[in-house]
Amino acid sequence: MKSFRGFIIKEFYHIFRDKRTMLILFGMPVIQLVLFGFAIRNEITDAKISIVDHSNDYITLEIKQKLLSSGYFLLQDDIDKDSDIEAVFRKGVVKEVIVFEQEFAQRLLRDGSAHIQIIADASDPNTANMLIGYTSSIIQDYQKSLKNQSSFLPQILPEVKLLYNPELKSVFMFVPGLIALLLMLVSALMTSITITREKELGTMEILLVSPLKPFQIIVGKVIPYLFLSFVNTATVLLLARLVFGVPFNGSYGLFFFEALLFVITALSLGIMISTISKTQQTAMMIALAGLMLPVIILSGFIFPVSSMPWPLQVFSNIVPAKWFLIIVKGIMLKGIGIEYLWKETMILAGMSLIFVSVSIKKFKIRLQ
């Protein structure tokens, strides 16, 4: 019995002395709890909206103040013409546009009814539904407050219009997100073990004495996976169109260019993980645990980034999938071009250069 007790004590010492084990046992639950607790939220705050006010009277001003003071909305800008609404949505920042008809106050108090048009970006159906619900509820509350100003209860009639996904199909949101998730995980996972596998198999010495430069070795590692990932991209897109019926309103050439850029970013990230990892097991753990949660939670795949605390919003900017998801939704659902997606494209290109540069630097260090 004493031997068994001593064995148990020895195991406790072994666990407590291993920093990696302690980090997994105690650090990982805390990190996941904090991350999930702050990031996973059903409510929406500070959603950016635009307003088209054709009336500019005291009632429309009161309604706008009530909307903006609710905590749910932030005014991005005022729009003068209805023809500018489409361009505002194409930029991808504004989630809802509210349109007041002409002579709003006069129609409401004289005729007993007036119309408000609520136009929402339904490429994310959950967000669109909630924003429309918030807006309608606030308008209804204001409508009740008008009872003291008239002998009858005036009717404010909201007219809802959903852009890009009028049927509010959730698959329109999940499929583009799954494309980003699959390409990121598969591409990064495939390349994350390439250099560590060479070290474990003992073939790294052959590469070290070869006339190839570090940059050539890394590019040579990436090219086969780049071709296979491109085939994977075409397969995923074909399934999205034929099986799930997701529309494609943009340019196929632009889509494959952006997908290729994202795959290069993911492969470069995988190579970087491979150069800093000592074993294939470590590389796979970093690629899976370190990429899956950020891609799912912080990319806007399921939960809107704008509703998260600002530290997570800032951190989400280093998640490549966030930018590619904006690109995929923009091309597939909105049919927009590079003139609206140049910023996201430049960010992905910059990330690729950073990952490749770090990989080459780390690889050079290992040569010494």
Protein backbone atom coordinates (compact mmCIF):
# COMPACT_ATOMS: atom_id res chain seq x y z
CA MET A 1 0.00 0.00 0.00
CA LYS A 2 2.88 2.36 0.79
CA SER A 3 4.37 1.64 -2.63
CA PHE A 4 1.06 2.45 -4.32
CA ARG A 5 0.75 5.70 -2.30
CA GLY A 6 4.29 6.64 -3.23
CA PHE A 7 3.54 5.94 -6.88
CA ILE A 8 0.53 8.28 -6.77
CA ILE A 9 2.59 11.02 -5.10
CA LYS A 10 5.27 10.55 -7.76
CA GLU A 11 2.65 11.04 -10.49
CA PHE A 12 1.48 14.25 -8.83
CA TYR A 13 5.06 15.54 -8.76
CA HIS A 14 5.49 14.54 -12.40
CA ILE A 15 2.38 16.52 -13.41
CA PHE A 16 3.24 19.58 -11.34
CA ARG A 17 6.80 19.73 -12.73
CA ASP A 18 5.64 19.60 -16.36
CA LYS A 19 4.75 23.17 -17.37
CA ARG A 20 2.96 22.08 -20.54
CA THR A 21 0.75 19.66 -18.64
CA MET A 22 -0.08 22.31 -16.05
CA LEU A 23 -0.93 24.76 -18.82
CA ILE A 24 -3.31 22.28 -20.43
CA LEU A 25 -4.92 21.28 -17.12
CA PHE A 26 -5.45 24.73 -15.64
CA GLY A 27 -4.70 27.32 -18.29
CA MET A 28 -6.75 25.95 -21.17
CA PRO A 29 -10.09 25.79 -19.24
CA VAL A 30 -9.64 29.38 -18.05
CA ILE A 31 -8.79 30.62 -21.53
CA GLN A 32 -11.72 28.78 -23.10
CA LEU A 33 -14.16 29.95 -20.43
CA VAL A 34 -13.13 33.59 -20.84
CA LEU A 35 -13.12 33.35 -24.63
CA PHE A 36 -16.48 31.62 -24.90
CA GLY A 37 -18.03 33.71 -22.15
CA PHE A 38 -17.22 37.02 -23.82
CA ALA A 39 -17.43 36.03 -27.49
CA ILE A 40 -20.56 33.87 -27.58
CA ARG A 41 -23.43 36.30 -27.27
CA ASN A 42 -26.89 36.19 -28.77
CA GLU A 43 -27.57 39.88 -28.19
CA ILE A 44 -26.25 42.50 -30.58
CA THR A 45 -24.80 45.86 -29.57
CA ASP A 46 -23.41 48.81 -31.52
CA ALA A 47 -24.65 47.57 -34.90
CA LYS A 48 -23.85 50.18 -37.53
CA ILE A 49 -26.84 51.58 -39.39
CA SER A 50 -27.58 54.35 -41.86
CA ILE A 51 -30.69 56.52 -42.06
CA VAL A 52 -32.47 58.07 -45.03
CA ASP A 53 -34.72 60.82 -43.67
CA HIS A 54 -36.87 62.35 -46.39
CA SER A 55 -38.89 64.30 -43.84
CA ASN A 56 -36.48 65.73 -41.24
CA ASP A 57 -39.26 66.68 -38.82
CA TYR A 58 -39.43 66.49 -35.06
CA ILE A 59 -40.97 62.99 -34.99
CA THR A 60 -38.30 61.42 -37.20
CA LEU A 61 -35.68 63.16 -35.04
CA GLU A 62 -37.21 61.69 -31.88
CA ILE A 63 -37.34 58.20 -33.41
CA LYS A 64 -33.70 58.45 -34.49
CA GLN A 65 -32.66 59.58 -31.01
CA LYS A 66 -34.59 56.70 -29.48
CA LEU A 67 -32.93 54.20 -31.81
CA LEU A 68 -29.41 55.50 -31.24
CA SER A 69 -29.80 55.81 -27.47
CA SER A 70 -30.95 52.19 -27.14
CA GLY A 71 -27.40 50.84 -27.18
CA TYR A 72 -28.18 48.51 -30.08
CA PHE A 73 -27.26 50.87 -32.93
CA LEU A 74 -24.51 53.24 -34.01
CA LEU A 75 -25.14 55.73 -36.80
CA GLN A 76 -22.60 55.18 -39.55
CA ASP A 77 -23.84 58.02 -41.76
CA ASP A 78 -26.94 59.72 -43.11
CA ILE A 79 -27.90 58.98 -46.71
CA ASP A 80 -29.52 61.58 -48.92
CA LYS A 81 -30.80 59.38 -51.75
CA ASP A 82 -32.39 55.94 -51.92
CA SER A 83 -30.09 55.10 -54.82
CA ASP A 84 -27.10 55.17 -52.45
CA ILE A 85 -28.44 52.40 -50.21
CA GLU A 86 -27.09 49.53 -52.30
CA ALA A 87 -23.60 51.04 -52.35
CA VAL A 88 -23.67 51.41 -48.56
CA PHE A 89 -24.48 47.72 -48.07
CA ARG A 90 -21.81 46.66 -50.56
CA LYS A 91 -19.12 48.20 -48.34
CA GLY A 92 -20.04 45.60 -45.71
CA VAL A 93 -20.03 47.93 -42.69
CA VAL A 94 -23.70 48.93 -42.41
CA LYS A 95 -26.07 46.15 -41.34
CA GLU A 96 -29.37 48.06 -41.58
CA VAL A 97 -30.79 51.13 -43.29
CA ILE A 98 -33.92 52.92 -42.04
CA VAL A 99 -35.89 55.03 -44.50
CA PHE A 100 -38.48 57.65 -43.40
CA GLU A 101 -40.99 58.71 -46.02
CA GLN A 102 -41.66 62.37 -46.90
CA GLU A 103 -43.92 64.44 -44.62
CA PHE A 104 -43.68 61.74 -41.98
CA ALA A 105 -45.05 63.76 -39.02
CA GLN A 106 -47.90 65.24 -41.05
CA ARG A 107 -48.98 61.87 -42.40
CA LEU A 108 -48.78 60.30 -38.95
CA LEU A 109 -50.78 62.94 -37.07
CA ARG A 110 -53.13 63.97 -39.89
CA ASP A 111 -53.83 60.69 -41.67
CA GLY A 112 -53.18 58.41 -38.72
CA SER A 113 -50.40 56.38 -40.30
CA ALA A 114 -46.91 56.74 -41.74
CA HIS A 115 -44.40 54.31 -43.18
CA ILE A 116 -40.86 53.38 -42.20
CA GLN A 117 -38.85 51.07 -44.42
CA ILE A 118 -36.36 48.78 -42.65
CA ILE A 119 -33.76 47.37 -45.02
CA ALA A 120 -31.40 44.75 -43.57
CA ASP A 121 -28.34 42.90 -44.82
CA ALA A 122 -29.57 39.30 -44.59
CA SER A 123 -26.29 37.67 -45.62
CA ASP A 124 -26.15 36.98 -41.88
CA PRO A 125 -29.79 35.98 -41.25
CA ASN A 126 -29.50 35.76 -37.46
CA THR A 127 -28.14 39.28 -37.17
CA ALA A 128 -30.71 40.63 -39.63
CA ASN A 129 -33.57 39.05 -37.70
CA MET A 130 -32.41 40.47 -34.39
CA LEU A 131 -31.80 43.98 -35.76
CA ILE A 132 -35.24 44.06 -37.35
CA GLY A 133 -36.74 42.89 -34.06
CA TYR A 134 -34.90 45.59 -32.09
CA THR A 135 -35.93 48.30 -34.56
CA SER A 136 -39.57 47.23 -34.67
CA SER A 137 -39.77 47.07 -30.87
CA ILE A 138 -38.32 50.58 -30.44
CA ILE A 139 -40.67 51.98 -33.08
CA GLN A 140 -43.61 50.30 -31.40
CA ASP A 141 -42.68 51.80 -28.02
CA TYR A 142 -42.46 55.26 -29.55
CA GLN A 143 -45.81 54.74 -31.26
CA LYS A 144 -47.44 54.08 -27.89
CA SER A 145 -45.96 57.30 -26.50
CA LEU A 146 -47.81 59.29 -29.21
CA LYS A 147 -51.19 58.45 -27.69
CA ASN A 148 -51.02 61.57 -25.50
CA GLN A 149 -50.56 63.79 -28.57
CA SER A 150 -53.66 62.63 -30.42
CA SER A 151 -57.20 61.44 -29.73
CA PHE A 152 -56.38 58.17 -31.50
CA LEU A 153 -53.30 55.98 -31.63
CA PRO A 154 -51.28 56.79 -34.78
CA GLN A 155 -49.90 53.80 -36.65
CA ILE A 156 -46.25 53.65 -37.68
CA LEU A 157 -46.12 50.94 -40.31
CA PRO A 158 -42.71 49.29 -40.78
CA GLU A 159 -41.96 47.74 -44.17
CA VAL A 160 -39.19 45.16 -44.01
CA LYS A 161 -36.88 44.43 -46.93
CA LEU A 162 -34.16 41.79 -46.78
CA LEU A 163 -31.19 42.02 -49.11
CA TYR A 164 -29.03 39.15 -50.40
CA ASN A 165 -31.01 36.47 -48.54
CA PRO A 166 -34.74 37.32 -48.61
CA GLU A 167 -35.75 33.86 -47.34
CA LEU A 168 -33.35 34.11 -44.38
CA LYS A 169 -31.76 30.74 -45.12
CA SER A 170 -29.14 29.95 -42.50
CA VAL A 171 -27.16 27.91 -45.01
CA PHE A 172 -26.24 31.18 -46.76
CA MET A 173 -24.34 32.12 -43.60
CA PHE A 174 -22.84 28.76 -42.67
CA VAL A 175 -21.56 27.58 -46.05
CA PRO A 176 -19.24 30.59 -46.70
CA GLY A 177 -18.00 30.23 -43.13
CA LEU A 178 -17.37 26.53 -43.62
CA ILE A 179 -15.38 27.27 -46.77
CA ALA A 180 -13.11 29.54 -44.75
CA LEU A 181 -12.90 27.06 -41.86
CA LEU A 182 -12.09 24.04 -44.04
CA LEU A 183 -9.49 25.79 -46.16
CA MET A 184 -7.77 27.26 -43.11
CA LEU A 185 -7.66 24.06 -41.05
CA VAL A 186 -6.84 21.66 -43.87
CA SER A 187 -4.19 23.87 -45.47
CA ALA A 188 -2.52 24.88 -42.21
CA LEU A 189 -2.72 21.35 -40.79
CA MET A 190 -1.18 19.77 -43.89
CA THR A 191 1.85 22.04 -43.89
CA SER A 192 2.29 22.32 -40.12
CA ILE A 193 3.96 18.91 -39.97
CA THR A 194 6.15 19.11 -43.09
CA ILE A 195 9.43 20.35 -41.58
CA THR A 196 8.93 18.57 -38.25
CA ARG A 197 8.38 15.33 -40.18
CA GLU A 198 11.72 15.83 -41.93
CA LYS A 199 13.42 16.23 -38.55
CA GLU A 200 11.76 13.18 -37.04
CA LEU A 201 12.57 11.01 -40.06
CA GLY A 202 16.18 12.20 -40.04
CA THR A 203 16.03 13.61 -43.56
CA MET A 204 16.53 17.22 -42.44
CA GLU A 205 20.31 16.78 -42.71
CA ILE A 206 19.95 16.04 -46.41
CA LEU A 207 18.10 19.30 -46.92
CA LEU A 208 20.66 21.19 -44.85
CA VAL A 209 23.58 20.10 -47.03
CA SER A 210 21.68 20.54 -50.30
CA PRO A 211 22.37 23.59 -52.51
CA LEU A 212 18.80 24.77 -51.94
CA LYS A 213 18.31 28.02 -50.07
CA PRO A 214 15.85 28.24 -47.12
CA PHE A 215 13.40 30.22 -49.23
CA GLN A 216 13.48 27.55 -51.95
CA ILE A 217 12.95 24.76 -49.45
CA ILE A 218 9.94 26.47 -47.92
CA VAL A 219 8.39 27.35 -51.29
CA GLY A 220 9.02 23.80 -52.49
CA LYS A 221 7.17 22.51 -49.45
CA VAL A 222 4.21 24.80 -50.14
CA ILE A 223 3.68 24.31 -53.89
CA PRO A 224 2.30 20.71 -53.83
CA TYR A 225 -0.12 21.59 -51.06
CA LEU A 226 -1.06 24.77 -52.90
CA PHE A 227 -2.17 22.76 -55.91
CA LEU A 228 -4.11 20.25 -53.78
CA SER A 229 -5.78 23.04 -51.80
CA PHE A 230 -6.84 24.71 -55.04
CA VAL A 231 -8.56 21.47 -56.07
CA ASN A 232 -10.12 21.35 -52.60
CA THR A 233 -11.43 24.91 -53.09
CA ALA A 234 -13.12 24.00 -56.38
CA THR A 235 -14.69 20.93 -54.77
CA VAL A 236 -16.06 22.88 -51.80
CA LEU A 237 -17.50 25.57 -54.08
CA LEU A 238 -19.12 22.95 -56.31
CA LEU A 239 -20.77 21.29 -53.30
CA ALA A 240 -21.95 24.66 -51.99
CA ARG A 241 -23.63 25.44 -55.31
CA LEU A 242 -25.09 22.03 -56.17
CA VAL A 243 -25.88 20.50 -52.77
CA PHE A 244 -26.78 23.54 -50.64
CA GLY A 245 -27.98 25.87 -53.38
CA VAL A 246 -25.91 28.84 -52.21
CA PRO A 247 -26.06 31.56 -54.90
CA PHE A 248 -22.98 32.90 -56.63
CA ASN A 249 -23.53 36.47 -57.77
CA GLY A 250 -19.95 37.60 -58.27
CA SER A 251 -16.91 36.80 -60.40
CA TYR A 252 -15.55 33.25 -60.38
CA GLY A 253 -12.13 34.59 -61.38
CA LEU A 254 -12.04 36.95 -58.39
CA PHE A 255 -13.28 34.22 -56.06
CA PHE A 256 -10.54 31.77 -57.06
CA PHE A 257 -7.92 34.51 -56.88
CA GLU A 258 -9.00 35.38 -53.33
CA ALA A 259 -9.27 31.71 -52.37
CA LEU A 260 -5.77 31.13 -53.71
CA LEU A 261 -4.48 34.07 -51.67
CA PHE A 262 -6.20 32.74 -48.54
CA VAL A 263 -4.81 29.25 -49.12
CA ILE A 264 -1.31 30.74 -49.48
CA THR A 265 -1.88 32.56 -46.17
CA ALA A 266 -3.02 29.34 -44.47
CA LEU A 267 -0.13 27.32 -45.93
CA SER A 268 2.35 29.98 -44.86
CA LEU A 269 0.91 29.89 -41.36
CA GLY A 270 1.25 26.11 -41.32
CA ILE A 271 4.88 26.33 -42.44
CA MET A 272 5.56 28.87 -39.69
CA ILE A 273 4.05 26.51 -37.12
CA SER A 274 6.19 23.70 -38.52
CA THR A 275 9.42 25.70 -38.19
CA ILE A 276 8.81 26.58 -34.53
CA SER A 277 7.62 23.09 -33.48
CA LYS A 278 9.94 20.27 -32.45
CA THR A 279 7.58 17.34 -33.12
CA GLN A 280 4.71 16.54 -35.45
CA GLN A 281 2.42 16.04 -32.46
CA THR A 282 3.18 19.53 -31.16
CA ALA A 283 2.66 21.04 -34.60
CA MET A 284 -0.70 19.31 -35.01
CA MET A 285 -1.86 20.40 -31.57
CA ILE A 286 -0.94 24.03 -32.29
CA ALA A 287 -2.63 23.90 -35.70
CA LEU A 288 -5.84 22.35 -34.37
CA ALA A 289 -6.22 23.99 -30.96
CA GLY A 290 -4.66 27.29 -31.95
CA LEU A 291 -6.62 27.75 -35.17
CA MET A 292 -9.98 26.05 -34.78
CA LEU A 293 -11.32 28.16 -31.89
CA PRO A 294 -10.25 31.54 -33.33
CA VAL A 295 -11.64 30.63 -36.77
CA ILE A 296 -15.00 29.54 -35.36
CA ILE A 297 -15.43 32.22 -32.70
CA LEU A 298 -13.46 35.29 -33.75
CA SER A 299 -13.95 35.30 -37.53
CA GLY A 300 -17.63 36.26 -37.47
CA PHE A 301 -18.51 32.80 -38.74
CA ILE A 302 -21.26 32.26 -36.16
CA PHE A 303 -21.18 35.23 -33.76
CA PRO A 304 -20.94 38.88 -34.90
CA VAL A 305 -17.57 40.39 -34.05
CA SER A 306 -19.12 43.82 -33.46
CA SER A 307 -20.96 42.49 -30.37
CA MET A 308 -17.79 41.24 -28.68
CA PRO A 309 -15.74 43.26 -26.15
CA TRP A 310 -13.26 45.56 -27.86
CA PRO A 311 -10.16 43.52 -26.88
CA LEU A 312 -11.59 40.52 -28.75
CA GLN A 313 -12.57 42.75 -31.66
CA VAL A 314 -8.98 43.96 -31.88
CA PHE A 315 -7.62 40.42 -31.54
CA SER A 316 -9.95 39.18 -34.29
CA ASN A 317 -8.08 41.34 -36.78
CA ILE A 318 -5.16 38.90 -36.76
CA VAL A 319 -7.42 35.96 -37.68
CA PRO A 320 -7.05 35.48 -41.47
CA ALA A 321 -10.42 33.72 -41.73
CA LYS A 322 -12.22 36.91 -40.65
CA TRP A 323 -11.04 38.77 -43.73
CA PHE A 324 -11.60 35.86 -46.10
CA LEU A 325 -15.13 35.39 -44.77
CA ILE A 326 -15.92 39.02 -45.64
CA ILE A 327 -14.54 38.39 -49.12
CA VAL A 328 -16.48 35.15 -49.69
CA LYS A 329 -19.81 36.61 -48.56
CA GLY A 330 -19.19 39.73 -50.60
CA ILE A 331 -18.48 37.81 -53.80
CA MET A 332 -21.01 34.99 -53.45
CA LEU A 333 -23.99 36.76 -51.92
CA LYS A 334 -23.53 40.44 -52.81
CA GLY A 335 -21.71 40.10 -56.12
CA ILE A 336 -19.22 42.85 -55.27
CA GLY A 337 -15.83 43.32 -56.91
CA ILE A 338 -12.28 44.10 -55.93
CA GLU A 339 -13.12 47.82 -55.56
CA TYR A 340 -14.94 46.93 -52.32
CA LEU A 341 -12.60 44.11 -51.22
CA TRP A 342 -9.16 45.62 -51.80
CA LYS A 343 -8.54 46.25 -48.09
CA GLU A 344 -9.23 42.65 -47.09
CA THR A 345 -7.13 41.44 -50.01
CA MET A 346 -4.17 43.57 -48.95
CA ILE A 347 -4.45 42.34 -45.36
CA LEU A 348 -4.31 38.70 -46.45
CA ALA A 349 -1.35 39.42 -48.72
CA GLY A 350 0.44 41.17 -45.86
CA MET A 351 -0.21 38.25 -43.51
CA SER A 352 1.22 35.83 -46.08
CA LEU A 353 4.42 37.87 -46.36
CA ILE A 354 4.78 38.04 -42.57
CA PHE A 355 4.27 34.29 -42.11
CA VAL A 356 6.74 33.43 -44.88
CA SER A 357 9.33 35.88 -43.54
CA VAL A 358 9.08 34.47 -40.02
CA SER A 359 9.32 30.92 -41.40
CA ILE A 360 12.49 31.74 -43.36
CA LYS A 361 14.03 33.45 -40.34
CA LYS A 362 13.24 30.54 -38.03
CA PHE A 363 14.49 28.09 -40.62
CA LYS A 364 17.78 30.00 -40.92
CA ILE A 365 18.19 29.88 -37.15
CA ARG A 366 17.83 26.10 -37.27
CA LEU A 367 20.52 25.95 -39.96
CA GLN A 368 23.09 27.43 -37.60
